C-alpha atoms as a PDB file:
ATOM      1  CA  MET A   1     -11.340  21.214  -4.926  1.00  0.00           C
ATOM      2  CA  PHE A   2      -9.085  21.984  -1.938  1.00  0.00           C
ATOM      3  CA  PRO A   3     -10.741  22.470   1.288  1.00  0.00           C
ATOM      4  CA  ASP A   4     -10.533  26.135   2.476  1.00  0.00           C
ATOM      5  CA  ASP A   5      -9.019  25.319   5.619  1.00  0.00           C
ATOM      6  CA  LEU A   6      -5.767  22.556   3.637  1.00  0.00           C
ATOM      7  CA  GLU A   7      -3.487  25.335   5.015  1.00  0.00           C
ATOM      8  CA  GLU A   8      -4.090  24.689   8.808  1.00  0.00           C
ATOM      9  CA  ARG A   9      -4.689  21.135   7.868  1.00  0.00           C
ATOM     10  CA  TYR A  10      -0.720  21.062   6.797  1.00  0.00           C
ATOM     11  CA  HIS A  11      -0.016  22.888   9.934  1.00  0.00           C
ATOM     12  CA  THR A  12      -1.403  20.347  11.890  1.00  0.00           C
ATOM     13  CA  ALA A  13      -0.101  17.712  10.525  1.00  0.00           C
ATOM     14  CA  ALA A  14       3.407  19.256  10.762  1.00  0.00           C
ATOM     15  CA  ARG A  15       3.426  19.729  14.055  1.00  0.00           C
ATOM     16  CA  LEU A  16       2.936  16.500  14.555  1.00  0.00           C
ATOM     17  CA  PHE A  17       5.571  15.242  12.936  1.00  0.00           C
ATOM     18  CA  ARG A  18       7.811  16.530  16.252  1.00  0.00           C
ATOM     19  CA  PRO A  19      11.682  15.190  16.463  1.00  0.00           C
ATOM     20  CA  GLY A  20      11.724  12.353  18.897  1.00  0.00           C
ATOM     21  CA  ARG A  21       8.288  11.072  17.518  1.00  0.00           C
ATOM     22  CA  ARG A  22       8.210   7.324  16.060  1.00  0.00           C
ATOM     23  CA  VAL A  23       6.653   8.066  12.478  1.00  0.00           C
ATOM     24  CA  VAL A  24       6.129   5.129   9.852  1.00  0.00           C
ATOM     25  CA  ALA A  25       5.022   6.271   6.622  1.00  0.00           C
ATOM     26  CA  PHE A  26       2.002   3.679   4.539  1.00  0.00           C
ATOM     27  CA  THR A  27       2.393   4.017   0.486  1.00  0.00           C
ATOM     28  CA  GLY A  28       0.187   2.591  -2.130  1.00  0.00           C
ATOM     29  CA  ALA A  29       0.360   2.941  -6.153  1.00  0.00           C
ATOM     30  CA  GLY A  30      -1.384   6.463  -6.088  1.00  0.00           C
ATOM     31  CA  ILE A  31       2.373   7.762  -4.912  1.00  0.00           C
ATOM     32  CA  SER A  32       3.608   6.129  -8.040  1.00  0.00           C
ATOM     33  CA  VAL A  33       1.050   7.051 -10.403  1.00  0.00           C
ATOM     34  CA  PRO A  34       3.094  10.463 -11.352  1.00  0.00           C
ATOM     35  CA  SER A  35       6.052   8.946 -12.231  1.00  0.00           C
ATOM     36  CA  GLY A  36       3.728   7.149 -14.974  1.00  0.00           C
ATOM     37  CA  ILE A  37       3.255   4.037 -13.698  1.00  0.00           C
ATOM     38  CA  PRO A  38      -0.573   2.995 -13.338  1.00  0.00           C
ATOM     39  CA  ASP A  39      -2.543   2.116  -9.820  1.00  0.00           C
ATOM     40  CA  PHE A  40      -4.736  -0.737 -10.378  1.00  0.00           C
ATOM     41  CA  ARG A  41      -8.135   0.387  -8.940  1.00  0.00           C
ATOM     42  CA  SER A  42      -8.928   4.058  -9.938  1.00  0.00           C
ATOM     43  CA  ALA A  43     -12.066   4.595 -11.638  1.00  0.00           C
ATOM     44  CA  SER A  44     -10.418   5.881 -14.834  1.00  0.00           C
ATOM     45  CA  SER A  45      -7.612   4.801 -15.539  1.00  0.00           C
ATOM     46  CA  GLY A  46      -7.157   1.441 -12.969  1.00  0.00           C
ATOM     47  CA  LEU A  47      -5.705  -1.413 -14.506  1.00  0.00           C
ATOM     48  CA  TRP A  48      -8.777  -3.597 -12.666  1.00  0.00           C
ATOM     49  CA  ASN A  49     -11.185  -1.537 -15.308  1.00  0.00           C
ATOM     50  CA  THR A  50      -9.160  -3.791 -17.953  1.00  0.00           C
ATOM     51  CA  PHE A  51      -7.959  -6.985 -16.543  1.00  0.00           C
ATOM     52  CA  ASP A  52      -9.554  -9.618 -14.492  1.00  0.00           C
ATOM     53  CA  PRO A  53      -6.966  -9.986 -11.543  1.00  0.00           C
ATOM     54  CA  MET A  54      -7.459 -13.759 -11.457  1.00  0.00           C
ATOM     55  CA  GLU A  55      -7.239 -14.187 -14.821  1.00  0.00           C
ATOM     56  CA  VAL A  56      -3.713 -12.181 -15.056  1.00  0.00           C
ATOM     57  CA  ALA A  57      -2.186 -11.840 -11.989  1.00  0.00           C
ATOM     58  CA  SER A  58      -2.872 -14.493  -9.633  1.00  0.00           C
ATOM     59  CA  LEU A  59      -0.886 -18.015  -8.927  1.00  0.00           C
ATOM     60  CA  THR A  60      -3.156 -19.542 -10.702  1.00  0.00           C
ATOM     61  CA  ALA A  61      -2.754 -17.717 -13.950  1.00  0.00           C
ATOM     62  CA  PHE A  62       0.830 -17.785 -13.418  1.00  0.00           C
ATOM     63  CA  ARG A  63       0.639 -21.124 -13.271  1.00  0.00           C
ATOM     64  CA  GLU A  64      -2.053 -22.603 -16.106  1.00  0.00           C
ATOM     65  CA  ARG A  65      -2.344 -19.010 -18.231  1.00  0.00           C
ATOM     66  CA  PRO A  66       1.666 -17.930 -17.969  1.00  0.00           C
ATOM     67  CA  GLN A  67       1.561 -16.683 -21.530  1.00  0.00           C
ATOM     68  CA  ALA A  68      -1.575 -14.385 -20.780  1.00  0.00           C
ATOM     69  CA  PHE A  69       0.580 -13.818 -16.980  1.00  0.00           C
ATOM     70  CA  PHE A  70       3.429 -12.640 -19.359  1.00  0.00           C
ATOM     71  CA  ASP A  71       1.634 -10.573 -21.621  1.00  0.00           C
ATOM     72  CA  TRP A  72      -0.364  -8.731 -18.619  1.00  0.00           C
ATOM     73  CA  LEU A  73       2.668  -8.043 -16.606  1.00  0.00           C
ATOM     74  CA  GLU A  74       5.127  -7.554 -19.690  1.00  0.00           C
ATOM     75  CA  PRO A  75       4.103  -3.585 -20.550  1.00  0.00           C
ATOM     76  CA  LEU A  76       3.882  -2.960 -16.660  1.00  0.00           C
ATOM     77  CA  THR A  77       7.388  -3.746 -16.120  1.00  0.00           C
ATOM     78  CA  GLY A  78       8.574  -1.758 -18.992  1.00  0.00           C
ATOM     79  CA  GLN A  79       6.803   1.073 -17.113  1.00  0.00           C
ATOM     80  CA  ILE A  80       8.231   0.539 -13.979  1.00  0.00           C
ATOM     81  CA  PHE A  81      12.036  -0.026 -15.194  1.00  0.00           C
ATOM     82  CA  GLN A  82      11.563   3.206 -17.327  1.00  0.00           C
ATOM     83  CA  ALA A  83      10.444   5.359 -14.394  1.00  0.00           C
ATOM     84  CA  SER A  84      12.075   7.490 -11.968  1.00  0.00           C
ATOM     85  CA  PRO A  85      11.102   8.741  -8.350  1.00  0.00           C
ATOM     86  CA  ASN A  86       8.916  12.321  -8.218  1.00  0.00           C
ATOM     87  CA  PRO A  87       8.731  14.756  -5.940  1.00  0.00           C
ATOM     88  CA  ALA A  88       6.421  12.448  -3.467  1.00  0.00           C
ATOM     89  CA  HIS A  89       9.337  10.053  -2.758  1.00  0.00           C
ATOM     90  CA  TYR A  90      12.137  12.109  -2.738  1.00  0.00           C
ATOM     91  CA  ALA A  91       9.945  14.317  -0.232  1.00  0.00           C
ATOM     92  CA  LEU A  92       9.781  11.043   2.314  1.00  0.00           C
ATOM     93  CA  ALA A  93      13.620  10.174   1.670  1.00  0.00           C
ATOM     94  CA  GLN A  94      14.547  13.476   2.754  1.00  0.00           C
ATOM     95  CA  LEU A  95      12.157  13.256   5.529  1.00  0.00           C
ATOM     96  CA  GLN A  96      13.774   9.998   6.362  1.00  0.00           C
ATOM     97  CA  SER A  97      17.729  11.277   5.921  1.00  0.00           C
ATOM     98  CA  SER A  98      16.432  14.258   8.721  1.00  0.00           C
ATOM     99  CA  ASN A  99      15.174  11.608  11.386  1.00  0.00           C
ATOM    100  CA  ARG A 100      11.323  12.633  10.933  1.00  0.00           C
ATOM    101  CA  LEU A 101      10.394   9.505   9.758  1.00  0.00           C
ATOM    102  CA  GLU A 102      11.287   6.028  10.346  1.00  0.00           C
ATOM    103  CA  THR A 103      10.240   3.270   8.214  1.00  0.00           C
ATOM    104  CA  ILE A 104       8.569   3.314   5.108  1.00  0.00           C
ATOM    105  CA  ILE A 105       6.080   0.593   4.448  1.00  0.00           C
ATOM    106  CA  THR A 106       4.341   0.099   0.810  1.00  0.00           C
ATOM    107  CA  GLN A 107       2.728  -2.000  -1.250  1.00  0.00           C
ATOM    108  CA  ASN A 108       4.316  -1.289  -4.189  1.00  0.00           C
ATOM    109  CA  ILE A 109       6.679  -3.223  -6.428  1.00  0.00           C
ATOM    110  CA  ASP A 110       8.832  -0.234  -8.470  1.00  0.00           C
ATOM    111  CA  GLY A 111      11.673   0.213  -5.811  1.00  0.00           C
ATOM    112  CA  LEU A 112      11.227   4.058  -6.756  1.00  0.00           C
ATOM    113  CA  HIS A 113      11.483   4.852  -2.676  1.00  0.00           C
ATOM    114  CA  GLN A 114      15.150   3.372  -3.150  1.00  0.00           C
ATOM    115  CA  LYS A 115      15.982   5.000  -6.329  1.00  0.00           C
ATOM    116  CA  ALA A 116      14.729   8.568  -4.501  1.00  0.00           C
ATOM    117  CA  GLY A 117      17.225   7.392  -1.772  1.00  0.00           C
ATOM    118  CA  ALA A 118      15.064   5.923   1.230  1.00  0.00           C
ATOM    119  CA  SER A 119      16.647   3.337   3.155  1.00  0.00           C
ATOM    120  CA  ASP A 120      14.790   1.562   5.654  1.00  0.00           C
ATOM    121  CA  VAL A 121      11.451   0.400   3.333  1.00  0.00           C
ATOM    122  CA  ILE A 122       9.313  -2.889   4.201  1.00  0.00           C
ATOM    123  CA  GLU A 123       7.915  -3.985   0.605  1.00  0.00           C
ATOM    124  CA  LEU A 124       4.455  -6.081   1.557  1.00  0.00           C
ATOM    125  CA  HIS A 125       4.012  -7.113  -2.209  1.00  0.00           C
ATOM    126  CA  GLY A 126       7.839  -7.811  -3.060  1.00  0.00           C
ATOM    127  CA  ASN A 127       9.604  -5.996  -6.161  1.00  0.00           C
ATOM    128  CA  MET A 128      10.553  -6.716  -9.771  1.00  0.00           C
ATOM    129  CA  ASN A 129      14.532  -6.890  -8.947  1.00  0.00           C
ATOM    130  CA  HIS A 130      14.376 -10.777  -9.009  1.00  0.00           C
ATOM    131  CA  LEU A 131      12.845 -14.038 -10.898  1.00  0.00           C
ATOM    132  CA  VAL A 132      11.863 -17.221  -8.709  1.00  0.00           C
ATOM    133  CA  CYS A 133      11.645 -20.144  -9.772  1.00  0.00           C
ATOM    134  CA  LEU A 134       8.419 -22.386  -8.036  1.00  0.00           C
ATOM    135  CA  THR A 135      10.025 -25.584  -9.140  1.00  0.00           C
ATOM    136  CA  CYS A 136      13.495 -25.634  -7.898  1.00  0.00           C
ATOM    137  CA  GLN A 137      13.778 -22.535  -5.686  1.00  0.00           C
ATOM    138  CA  LYS A 138      16.212 -21.025  -7.860  1.00  0.00           C
ATOM    139  CA  ILE A 139      16.507 -17.389  -8.237  1.00  0.00           C
ATOM    140  CA  GLU A 140      17.997 -15.071 -10.779  1.00  0.00           C
ATOM    141  CA  LYS A 141      18.375 -11.426 -11.428  1.00  0.00           C
ATOM    142  CA  VAL A 142      15.446  -9.981 -13.426  1.00  0.00           C
ATOM    143  CA  ASP A 143      17.925  -7.858 -15.312  1.00  0.00           C
ATOM    144  CA  ASP A 144      19.710 -10.857 -16.836  1.00  0.00           C
ATOM    145  CA  TYR A 145      16.496 -11.823 -18.646  1.00  0.00           C
ATOM    146  CA  LEU A 146      14.778  -7.860 -19.302  1.00  0.00           C
ATOM    147  CA  ASP A 147      15.813  -7.170 -22.430  1.00  0.00           C
ATOM    148  CA  ARG A 148      14.950 -10.605 -23.929  1.00  0.00           C
ATOM    149  CA  TRP A 149      11.674 -10.539 -22.124  1.00  0.00           C
ATOM    150  CA  LEU A 150      10.691  -6.770 -23.080  1.00  0.00           C
ATOM    151  CA  LYS A 151      12.247  -6.470 -26.168  1.00  0.00           C
ATOM    152  CA  GLU A 152      12.493 -10.030 -27.972  1.00  0.00           C
ATOM    153  CA  HIS A 153       9.185 -11.242 -25.865  1.00  0.00           C
ATOM    154  CA  ILE A 154      11.014 -14.403 -24.649  1.00  0.00           C
ATOM    155  CA  LEU A 155       9.458 -15.365 -21.415  1.00  0.00           C
ATOM    156  CA  PRO A 156      11.985 -15.843 -18.711  1.00  0.00           C
ATOM    157  CA  VAL A 157      12.955 -19.496 -17.800  1.00  0.00           C
ATOM    158  CA  CYS A 158      14.954 -21.367 -15.460  1.00  0.00           C
ATOM    159  CA  PRO A 159      18.432 -22.443 -16.240  1.00  0.00           C
ATOM    160  CA  ARG A 160      18.423 -25.230 -14.201  1.00  0.00           C
ATOM    161  CA  CYS A 161      14.674 -26.643 -14.339  1.00  0.00           C
ATOM    162  CA  GLY A 162      13.212 -24.799 -17.609  1.00  0.00           C
ATOM    163  CA  ALA A 163      10.059 -24.220 -15.944  1.00  0.00           C
ATOM    164  CA  PHE A 164       8.538 -20.295 -16.159  1.00  0.00           C
ATOM    165  CA  LEU A 165      10.389 -17.573 -13.487  1.00  0.00           C
ATOM    166  CA  LYS A 166       7.512 -15.900 -11.506  1.00  0.00           C
ATOM    167  CA  PRO A 167       8.859 -11.951 -11.012  1.00  0.00           C
ATOM    168  CA  ASP A 168       9.266 -11.869  -7.024  1.00  0.00           C
ATOM    169  CA  ILE A 169       6.116 -10.649  -6.586  1.00  0.00           C
ATOM    170  CA  ILE A 170       2.969 -10.937  -4.366  1.00  0.00           C
ATOM    171  CA  LEU A 171       0.337 -12.771  -6.491  1.00  0.00           C
ATOM    172  CA  TYR A 172      -3.600 -13.346  -5.792  1.00  0.00           C
ATOM    173  CA  GLU A 173      -3.556 -16.702  -4.013  1.00  0.00           C
ATOM    174  CA  GLU A 174      -0.535 -15.909  -3.059  1.00  0.00           C
ATOM    175  CA  MET A 175       0.352 -15.017   1.324  1.00  0.00           C
ATOM    176  CA  LEU A 176       2.177 -11.562   1.906  1.00  0.00           C
ATOM    177  CA  PRO A 177       5.841 -12.955   2.985  1.00  0.00           C
ATOM    178  CA  VAL A 178       6.150 -12.849   6.521  1.00  0.00           C
ATOM    179  CA  ASP A 179       9.614 -11.296   7.515  1.00  0.00           C
ATOM    180  CA  ALA A 180       8.182  -8.159   5.785  1.00  0.00           C
ATOM    181  CA  TRP A 181       4.752  -8.760   7.378  1.00  0.00           C
ATOM    182  CA  GLU A 182       6.182  -9.039  10.971  1.00  0.00           C
ATOM    183  CA  GLN A 183       8.342  -6.195  10.605  1.00  0.00           C
ATOM    184  CA  ALA A 184       5.604  -3.634   9.063  1.00  0.00           C
ATOM    185  CA  GLU A 185       3.471  -5.178  12.258  1.00  0.00           C
ATOM    186  CA  PHE A 186       5.752  -4.082  14.664  1.00  0.00           C
ATOM    187  CA  SER A 187       6.951  -0.785  13.009  1.00  0.00           C
ATOM    188  CA  CYS A 188       2.731   0.348  13.218  1.00  0.00           C
ATOM    189  CA  GLN A 189       1.993  -1.063  16.295  1.00  0.00           C
ATOM    190  CA  GLN A 190       5.375   0.900  17.836  1.00  0.00           C
ATOM    191  CA  ALA A 191       4.509   4.214  15.976  1.00  0.00           C
ATOM    192  CA  ASP A 192       3.411   7.502  17.188  1.00  0.00           C
ATOM    193  CA  VAL A 193       2.153   8.835  13.885  1.00  0.00           C
ATOM    194  CA  ILE A 194       1.272   6.749  10.749  1.00  0.00           C
ATOM    195  CA  LEU A 195       1.060   8.933   7.283  1.00  0.00           C
ATOM    196  CA  VAL A 196      -0.910   7.203   5.045  1.00  0.00           C
ATOM    197  CA  ALA A 197       0.037   8.296   1.413  1.00  0.00           C
ATOM    198  CA  GLY A 198      -1.348   7.596  -2.029  1.00  0.00           C
ATOM    199  CA  THR A 199      -3.315   4.584  -1.011  1.00  0.00           C
ATOM    200  CA  SER A 200      -7.144   4.256  -0.992  1.00  0.00           C
ATOM    201  CA  LEU A 201      -6.460   1.513   1.705  1.00  0.00           C
ATOM    202  CA  GLU A 202      -8.570  -1.186  -0.055  1.00  0.00           C
ATOM    203  CA  VAL A 203      -6.261  -4.104  -0.638  1.00  0.00           C
ATOM    204  CA  MET A 204      -6.294  -6.580   2.830  1.00  0.00           C
ATOM    205  CA  PRO A 205      -4.539  -7.222   4.823  1.00  0.00           C
ATOM    206  CA  ALA A 206      -2.236  -4.558   3.910  1.00  0.00           C
ATOM    207  CA  SER A 207      -4.413  -1.838   4.676  1.00  0.00           C
ATOM    208  CA  SER A 208      -5.095  -3.188   8.435  1.00  0.00           C
ATOM    209  CA  LEU A 209      -1.613  -2.541   9.450  1.00  0.00           C
ATOM    210  CA  PRO A 210      -2.455   1.805   9.780  1.00  0.00           C
ATOM    211  CA  LEU A 211      -6.003   0.744  11.286  1.00  0.00           C
ATOM    212  CA  GLU A 212      -3.250  -2.029  13.997  1.00  0.00           C
ATOM    213  CA  GLY A 213      -1.175   1.247  14.791  1.00  0.00           C
ATOM    214  CA  PHE A 214      -4.394   3.887  15.625  1.00  0.00           C
ATOM    215  CA  GLN A 215      -5.658   1.053  17.732  1.00  0.00           C
ATOM    216  CA  LYS A 216      -1.982   1.249  19.624  1.00  0.00           C
ATOM    217  CA  GLY A 217      -2.376   4.807  20.304  1.00  0.00           C
ATOM    218  CA  ALA A 218      -0.993   6.102  16.575  1.00  0.00           C
ATOM    219  CA  GLN A 219      -1.914   9.190  15.279  1.00  0.00           C
ATOM    220  CA  ILE A 220      -2.898   9.199  11.641  1.00  0.00           C
ATOM    221  CA  VAL A 221      -2.557  11.135   8.739  1.00  0.00           C
ATOM    222  CA  ILE A 222      -3.914  10.666   5.277  1.00  0.00           C
ATOM    223  CA  MET A 223      -2.606  11.777   1.651  1.00  0.00           C
ATOM    224  CA  ASN A 224      -5.157  10.941  -0.911  1.00  0.00           C
ATOM    225  CA  LEU A 225      -6.954  12.259  -3.466  1.00  0.00           C
ATOM    226  CA  THR A 226      -9.780   9.821  -2.468  1.00  0.00           C
ATOM    227  CA  PRO A 227     -11.757   8.929   0.958  1.00  0.00           C
ATOM    228  CA  THR A 228     -10.653   6.082   2.676  1.00  0.00           C
ATOM    229  CA  PHE A 229     -11.794   3.713   5.604  1.00  0.00           C
ATOM    230  CA  LEU A 230     -10.151   6.015   7.808  1.00  0.00           C
ATOM    231  CA  ASP A 231     -10.872   9.677   7.150  1.00  0.00           C
ATOM    232  CA  SER A 232     -13.034   9.659  10.272  1.00  0.00           C
ATOM    233  CA  VAL A 233     -10.526   8.284  12.787  1.00  0.00           C
ATOM    234  CA  ALA A 234      -7.598  10.246  11.084  1.00  0.00           C
ATOM    235  CA  GLU A 235      -6.016  14.023  13.010  1.00  0.00           C
ATOM    236  CA  VAL A 236      -5.876  15.316   9.294  1.00  0.00           C
ATOM    237  CA  VAL A 237      -7.120  14.467   6.380  1.00  0.00           C
ATOM    238  CA  LEU A 238      -5.080  15.718   3.250  1.00  0.00           C
ATOM    239  CA  PRO A 239      -6.779  15.450  -0.152  1.00  0.00           C
ATOM    240  CA  VAL A 240      -4.395  16.237  -2.457  1.00  0.00           C
ATOM    241  CA  ASP A 241      -2.017  14.856  -5.370  1.00  0.00           C
ATOM    242  CA  VAL A 242       1.259  13.447  -3.167  1.00  0.00           C
ATOM    243  CA  ALA A 243       3.406  14.612  -6.081  1.00  0.00           C
ATOM    244  CA  LYS A 244       2.503  18.321  -4.813  1.00  0.00           C
ATOM    245  CA  GLY A 245       1.464  17.669  -1.186  1.00  0.00           C
ATOM    246  CA  MET A 246       3.983  15.501   0.012  1.00  0.00           C
ATOM    247  CA  PRO A 247       6.915  18.437  -0.787  1.00  0.00           C
ATOM    248  CA  GLU A 248       4.696  20.487   0.711  1.00  0.00           C
ATOM    249  CA  LEU A 249       4.322  18.924   3.763  1.00  0.00           C
ATOM    250  CA  CYS A 250       8.048  18.253   4.414  1.00  0.00           C
ATOM    251  CA  ARG A 251       9.100  21.723   3.504  1.00  0.00           C
ATOM    252  CA  GLN A 252       6.598  22.675   6.876  1.00  0.00           C
ATOM    253  CA  ILE A 253       7.814  19.380   8.842  1.00  0.00           C
ATOM    254  CA  LEU A 254      11.257  20.642   8.357  1.00  0.00           C
ATOM    255  CA  ALA A 255      10.865  24.397   8.778  1.00  0.00           C
END
């Protein structure tokens, strides 16, 4: 059920996005669920309700149980490459092009922000565009392997050394990419407003970034269907579906 003061919450949030303010968006899996990509932790459909992430989505799993790793990732990869941006992605891209949003920091690996036209996107957990060999460090385009992997179930192997190629995404037991982390941290620490969208803020260390911004003085706006640990300090909480709520927020900001 929507709160009785939802319209006033939109108005309050929109007023924070004044011209000249530094605004950062921080997005998670929930922003891509309307595009047909499942999230990981929701009570009804989260992937971790079915799979143990350490068994299928860890660096150990990739190295010691590659077949299990690729069996798990294959259907998700198919969903990612078939997906199209939804209204939430387009709304954020519109805010960027209108100079009301600077940077989008995302935990997602699907590239849908870029497909929607966003230009300044920091991907904390990598993306599916490339494969990397952990043995000889050769980097390959995933497009060169995608059909054989998804249609013929032939796992991608390095043409140089024959080792399995790992999608260039961050697995459990891996560190976040240093450059992406430093850029994201700087953006949050310099922000006047941080818009948290489609994430329950449960994945560490990524979820600490909006908190860092808040501690440096940023105002927090949260758009998410479930509560987060920052709700109590947020200027505005919008408990709505991002695919409907983000276009409405964008409309009011640009009105």
